[in-house]
Amino acid sequence: MDLVVSGDGWALWDGRRMRCALGRAGVSARKREGDGASPAGSFLMRRLMYRPDRESRPSTKLPLRAMTLADGWCDDPADAAYNLPVSLPYKARAEALWRQDRLYDLVVPLGYNDDPVTPGLGSAIFLHLAREDYGPTEGCVALARGDLLDVLEGSDAQSRVVIGL
């Protein structure tokens, strides 16, 4: 089943409409690193990572892994590990996935710019938890915790996030 996201901040899952947050620059068909836009397109949900100190093991058919303090994601287009998970500390610029806020307590890397990776086209595009006020993301899609848990429960390795303009 697919999570269908519209550029106006709403998503559809199994016939249910739910609010979501998107990139601060909206949705773009020409996504670039650092532009703040969520990429338009259809992207596989690659796996679920969760914070075991804050979340119990979620119910999902996605590949699943408990996160550690060392989990990071390289967002440096000049590095060979660009748009790939890395272990922190890392020699190039990388985002920490173990965050103080709760946004990445549940995080699903999306299959954007990962097969193959093209430097500069954008990295670290995730489905994750929304801020309470649904404030914008840096280019991800974010849902309320209950909505994300519902999506995860019905997701498997063929599930996609479909982001429209």
C-alpha atoms as a PDB file:
ATOM      1  CA  MET A   1       0.000   0.000   0.000  1.00  0.00           C
ATOM      2  CA  ASP A   2       1.201   3.540  -0.745  1.00  0.00           C
ATOM      3  CA  LEU A   3       1.138   6.707   1.336  1.00  0.00           C
ATOM      4  CA  VAL A   4       0.000   9.385  -1.141  1.00  0.00           C
ATOM      5  CA  VAL A   5       1.133  12.883  -0.195  1.00  0.00           C
ATOM      6  CA  SER A   6      -0.105  16.100  -1.799  1.00  0.00           C
ATOM      7  CA  GLY A   7       1.840  19.352  -1.918  1.00  0.00           C
ATOM      8  CA  ASP A   8      -0.771  21.035   0.279  1.00  0.00           C
ATOM      9  CA  GLY A   9       0.231  19.127   3.430  1.00  0.00           C
ATOM     10  CA  TRP A  10      -2.212  16.230   3.395  1.00  0.00           C
ATOM     11  CA  ALA A  11      -1.681  12.512   2.912  1.00  0.00           C
ATOM     12  CA  LEU A  12      -3.927   9.543   2.148  1.00  0.00           C
ATOM     13  CA  TRP A  13      -3.396   6.094   3.645  1.00  0.00           C
ATOM     14  CA  ASP A  14      -5.890   3.257   3.250  1.00  0.00           C
ATOM     15  CA  GLY A  15      -8.670   5.753   2.472  1.00  0.00           C
ATOM     16  CA  ARG A  16      -7.866   7.921   5.507  1.00  0.00           C
ATOM     17  CA  ARG A  17      -6.824  11.574   5.163  1.00  0.00           C
ATOM     18  CA  MET A  18      -4.113  12.771   7.552  1.00  0.00           C
ATOM     19  CA  ARG A  19      -2.134  15.951   7.980  1.00  0.00           C
ATOM     20  CA  CYS A  20       1.585  15.918   7.150  1.00  0.00           C
ATOM     21  CA  ALA A  21       4.551  18.274   7.067  1.00  0.00           C
ATOM     22  CA  LEU A  22       6.702  18.761   3.984  1.00  0.00           C
ATOM     23  CA  GLY A  23       9.882  20.631   3.142  1.00  0.00           C
ATOM     24  CA  ARG A  24      10.100  24.335   3.989  1.00  0.00           C
ATOM     25  CA  ALA A  25      10.425  25.033   0.232  1.00  0.00           C
ATOM     26  CA  GLY A  26       7.431  22.868  -0.689  1.00  0.00           C
ATOM     27  CA  VAL A  27       7.650  20.044  -3.220  1.00  0.00           C
ATOM     28  CA  SER A  28      10.011  20.088  -6.187  1.00  0.00           C
ATOM     29  CA  ALA A  29      10.508  17.952  -9.277  1.00  0.00           C
ATOM     30  CA  ARG A  30      14.108  19.302  -9.347  1.00  0.00           C
ATOM     31  CA  LYS A  31      15.296  18.477  -5.833  1.00  0.00           C
ATOM     32  CA  ARG A  32      18.869  19.566  -4.927  1.00  0.00           C
ATOM     33  CA  GLU A  33      20.954  19.187  -1.770  1.00  0.00           C
ATOM     34  CA  GLY A  34      20.071  21.820   0.811  1.00  0.00           C
ATOM     35  CA  ASP A  35      17.153  23.383  -1.088  1.00  0.00           C
ATOM     36  CA  GLY A  36      14.619  22.529   1.642  1.00  0.00           C
ATOM     37  CA  ALA A  37      12.196  20.913  -0.819  1.00  0.00           C
ATOM     38  CA  SER A  38      10.568  17.507  -0.602  1.00  0.00           C
ATOM     39  CA  PRO A  39      11.160  15.625  -3.865  1.00  0.00           C
ATOM     40  CA  ALA A  40       8.186  14.873  -6.116  1.00  0.00           C
ATOM     41  CA  GLY A  41       7.893  11.224  -7.099  1.00  0.00           C
ATOM     42  CA  SER A  42       7.282   7.705  -5.852  1.00  0.00           C
ATOM     43  CA  PHE A  43       9.813   6.298  -3.371  1.00  0.00           C
ATOM     44  CA  LEU A  44      10.073   2.897  -1.695  1.00  0.00           C
ATOM     45  CA  MET A  45      10.098   2.764   2.088  1.00  0.00           C
ATOM     46  CA  ARG A  46      13.524   1.154   2.551  1.00  0.00           C
ATOM     47  CA  ARG A  47      13.414   0.208   6.257  1.00  0.00           C
ATOM     48  CA  LEU A  48      12.360   1.442   9.674  1.00  0.00           C
ATOM     49  CA  MET A  49      14.794   2.581  12.333  1.00  0.00           C
ATOM     50  CA  TYR A  50      13.507   3.365  15.823  1.00  0.00           C
ATOM     51  CA  ARG A  51      14.869   4.686  19.117  1.00  0.00           C
ATOM     52  CA  PRO A  52      14.641   1.729  21.519  1.00  0.00           C
ATOM     53  CA  ASP A  53      14.915   4.018  24.560  1.00  0.00           C
ATOM     54  CA  ARG A  54      11.773   5.896  23.482  1.00  0.00           C
ATOM     55  CA  GLU A  55       9.764   3.475  21.356  1.00  0.00           C
ATOM     56  CA  SER A  56       8.911  -0.194  21.699  1.00  0.00           C
ATOM     57  CA  ARG A  57       9.489  -2.344  18.633  1.00  0.00           C
ATOM     58  CA  PRO A  58       6.855  -1.074  16.133  1.00  0.00           C
ATOM     59  CA  SER A  59       4.577  -3.441  14.256  1.00  0.00           C
ATOM     60  CA  THR A  60       5.594  -3.420  10.569  1.00  0.00           C
ATOM     61  CA  LYS A  61       6.604  -5.705   7.719  1.00  0.00           C
ATOM     62  CA  LEU A  62       9.376  -3.284   6.724  1.00  0.00           C
ATOM     63  CA  PRO A  63      12.953  -4.308   7.474  1.00  0.00           C
ATOM     64  CA  LEU A  64      13.473  -3.065  11.032  1.00  0.00           C
ATOM     65  CA  ARG A  65      16.453  -2.020  13.149  1.00  0.00           C
ATOM     66  CA  ALA A  66      16.897  -0.405  16.541  1.00  0.00           C
ATOM     67  CA  MET A  67      18.919   2.792  16.245  1.00  0.00           C
ATOM     68  CA  THR A  68      22.165   3.471  18.152  1.00  0.00           C
ATOM     69  CA  LEU A  69      23.954   6.661  19.204  1.00  0.00           C
ATOM     70  CA  ALA A  70      26.404   6.114  16.335  1.00  0.00           C
ATOM     71  CA  ASP A  71      23.790   6.178  13.546  1.00  0.00           C
ATOM     72  CA  GLY A  72      24.269   8.980  11.037  1.00  0.00           C
ATOM     73  CA  TRP A  73      23.505   9.825   7.411  1.00  0.00           C
ATOM     74  CA  CYS A  74      26.085  11.409   5.099  1.00  0.00           C
ATOM     75  CA  ASP A  75      24.837  14.595   3.425  1.00  0.00           C
ATOM     76  CA  ASP A  76      28.177  15.714   1.950  1.00  0.00           C
ATOM     77  CA  PRO A  77      27.990  15.505  -1.882  1.00  0.00           C
ATOM     78  CA  ALA A  78      31.806  15.359  -2.105  1.00  0.00           C
ATOM     79  CA  ASP A  79      32.010  12.192   0.019  1.00  0.00           C
ATOM     80  CA  ALA A  80      31.843   8.608  -1.301  1.00  0.00           C
ATOM     81  CA  ALA A  81      29.168   7.778   1.319  1.00  0.00           C
ATOM     82  CA  TYR A  82      26.840  10.596   0.163  1.00  0.00           C
ATOM     83  CA  ASN A  83      23.203   9.725   0.903  1.00  0.00           C
ATOM     84  CA  LEU A  84      24.190   6.581   2.775  1.00  0.00           C
ATOM     85  CA  PRO A  85      24.069   5.589   6.438  1.00  0.00           C
ATOM     86  CA  VAL A  86      27.350   6.108   8.298  1.00  0.00           C
ATOM     87  CA  SER A  87      28.715   5.540  11.768  1.00  0.00           C
ATOM     88  CA  LEU A  88      29.388   8.689  13.802  1.00  0.00           C
ATOM     89  CA  PRO A  89      31.693  10.403  14.258  1.00  0.00           C
ATOM     90  CA  TYR A  90      32.237  10.509  10.497  1.00  0.00           C
ATOM     91  CA  LYS A  91      35.002  12.224   8.504  1.00  0.00           C
ATOM     92  CA  ALA A  92      32.608  14.195   6.278  1.00  0.00           C
ATOM     93  CA  ARG A  93      29.409  16.150   7.001  1.00  0.00           C
ATOM     94  CA  ALA A  94      26.726  13.819   8.332  1.00  0.00           C
ATOM     95  CA  GLU A  95      23.408  14.186  10.119  1.00  0.00           C
ATOM     96  CA  ALA A  96      22.982  12.472  13.502  1.00  0.00           C
ATOM     97  CA  LEU A  97      19.896  10.243  13.558  1.00  0.00           C
ATOM     98  CA  TRP A  98      19.848   9.925  17.377  1.00  0.00           C
ATOM     99  CA  ARG A  99      18.375  13.351  18.103  1.00  0.00           C
ATOM    100  CA  GLN A 100      17.334  15.211  21.235  1.00  0.00           C
ATOM    101  CA  ASP A 101      13.985  16.163  19.704  1.00  0.00           C
ATOM    102  CA  ARG A 102      11.626  13.288  18.955  1.00  0.00           C
ATOM    103  CA  LEU A 103      11.477  13.731  15.166  1.00  0.00           C
ATOM    104  CA  TYR A 104      13.581  10.658  14.366  1.00  0.00           C
ATOM    105  CA  ASP A 105      12.303   8.357  17.104  1.00  0.00           C
ATOM    106  CA  LEU A 106      10.694   6.554  14.144  1.00  0.00           C
ATOM    107  CA  VAL A 107      12.453   7.154  10.831  1.00  0.00           C
ATOM    108  CA  VAL A 108      12.028   5.519   7.415  1.00  0.00           C
ATOM    109  CA  PRO A 109      14.672   6.270   4.778  1.00  0.00           C
ATOM    110  CA  LEU A 110      12.957   6.677   1.413  1.00  0.00           C
ATOM    111  CA  GLY A 111      14.332   5.365  -1.859  1.00  0.00           C
ATOM    112  CA  TYR A 112      15.174   8.828  -3.168  1.00  0.00           C
ATOM    113  CA  ASN A 113      18.527   9.279  -4.982  1.00  0.00           C
ATOM    114  CA  ASP A 114      19.836   5.955  -3.747  1.00  0.00           C
ATOM    115  CA  ASP A 115      19.891   3.612  -6.759  1.00  0.00           C
ATOM    116  CA  PRO A 116      22.205   4.976  -8.013  1.00  0.00           C
ATOM    117  CA  VAL A 117      23.270   7.887  -5.813  1.00  0.00           C
ATOM    118  CA  THR A 118      23.960  11.121  -7.710  1.00  0.00           C
ATOM    119  CA  PRO A 119      25.991  13.687  -5.734  1.00  0.00           C
ATOM    120  CA  GLY A 120      24.100  16.934  -5.184  1.00  0.00           C
ATOM    121  CA  LEU A 121      20.576  15.675  -5.947  1.00  0.00           C
ATOM    122  CA  GLY A 122      19.591  15.512  -2.287  1.00  0.00           C
ATOM    123  CA  SER A 123      20.085  13.207   0.662  1.00  0.00           C
ATOM    124  CA  ALA A 124      18.473  12.014   3.884  1.00  0.00           C
ATOM    125  CA  ILE A 125      14.903  12.066   2.591  1.00  0.00           C
ATOM    126  CA  PHE A 126      12.906  10.354   5.310  1.00  0.00           C
ATOM    127  CA  LEU A 127       9.400   9.656   6.526  1.00  0.00           C
ATOM    128  CA  HIS A 128       9.508  10.646  10.202  1.00  0.00           C
ATOM    129  CA  LEU A 129       7.586  12.178  13.096  1.00  0.00           C
ATOM    130  CA  ALA A 130       6.094  15.657  12.721  1.00  0.00           C
ATOM    131  CA  ARG A 131       6.556  18.547  15.099  1.00  0.00           C
ATOM    132  CA  GLU A 132       3.489  19.311  17.197  1.00  0.00           C
ATOM    133  CA  ASP A 133       2.692  22.330  15.008  1.00  0.00           C
ATOM    134  CA  TYR A 134       3.483  20.457  11.759  1.00  0.00           C
ATOM    135  CA  GLY A 135       6.336  22.890  11.125  1.00  0.00           C
ATOM    136  CA  PRO A 136       8.227  22.328   7.874  1.00  0.00           C
ATOM    137  CA  THR A 137      10.958  19.739   7.393  1.00  0.00           C
ATOM    138  CA  GLU A 138      14.249  20.084   5.517  1.00  0.00           C
ATOM    139  CA  GLY A 139      12.786  18.012   2.651  1.00  0.00           C
ATOM    140  CA  CYS A 140      11.232  15.007   4.352  1.00  0.00           C
ATOM    141  CA  VAL A 141       7.622  13.944   4.928  1.00  0.00           C
ATOM    142  CA  ALA A 142       6.481  13.967   8.568  1.00  0.00           C
ATOM    143  CA  LEU A 143       3.361  12.582  10.244  1.00  0.00           C
ATOM    144  CA  ALA A 144       1.887  12.616  13.734  1.00  0.00           C
ATOM    145  CA  ARG A 145       3.036   9.644  15.813  1.00  0.00           C
ATOM    146  CA  GLY A 146      -0.312   7.797  15.706  1.00  0.00           C
ATOM    147  CA  ASP A 147      -0.629   8.286  11.954  1.00  0.00           C
ATOM    148  CA  LEU A 148       2.959   7.143  11.345  1.00  0.00           C
ATOM    149  CA  LEU A 149       2.434   4.035  13.485  1.00  0.00           C
ATOM    150  CA  ASP A 150      -0.706   3.207  11.441  1.00  0.00           C
ATOM    151  CA  VAL A 151       1.252   3.615   8.195  1.00  0.00           C
ATOM    152  CA  LEU A 152       4.108   1.477   9.497  1.00  0.00           C
ATOM    153  CA  GLU A 153       1.766  -1.295  10.591  1.00  0.00           C
ATOM    154  CA  GLY A 154       0.416  -1.605   7.053  1.00  0.00           C
ATOM    155  CA  SER A 155       3.766  -1.179   5.272  1.00  0.00           C
ATOM    156  CA  ASP A 156       6.035  -3.769   3.712  1.00  0.00           C
ATOM    157  CA  ALA A 157       9.058  -3.796   1.372  1.00  0.00           C
ATOM    158  CA  GLN A 158       6.852  -2.809  -1.603  1.00  0.00           C
ATOM    159  CA  SER A 159       5.226   0.178   0.129  1.00  0.00           C
ATOM    160  CA  ARG A 160       5.936   3.642  -1.241  1.00  0.00           C
ATOM    161  CA  VAL A 161       5.576   7.275  -0.347  1.00  0.00           C
ATOM    162  CA  VAL A 162       4.166   9.065  -3.388  1.00  0.00           C
ATOM    163  CA  ILE A 163       4.751  12.821  -3.222  1.00  0.00           C
ATOM    164  CA  GLY A 164       2.777  14.980  -5.644  1.00  0.00           C
ATOM    165  CA  LEU A 165       3.307  18.613  -6.604  1.00  0.00           C
END
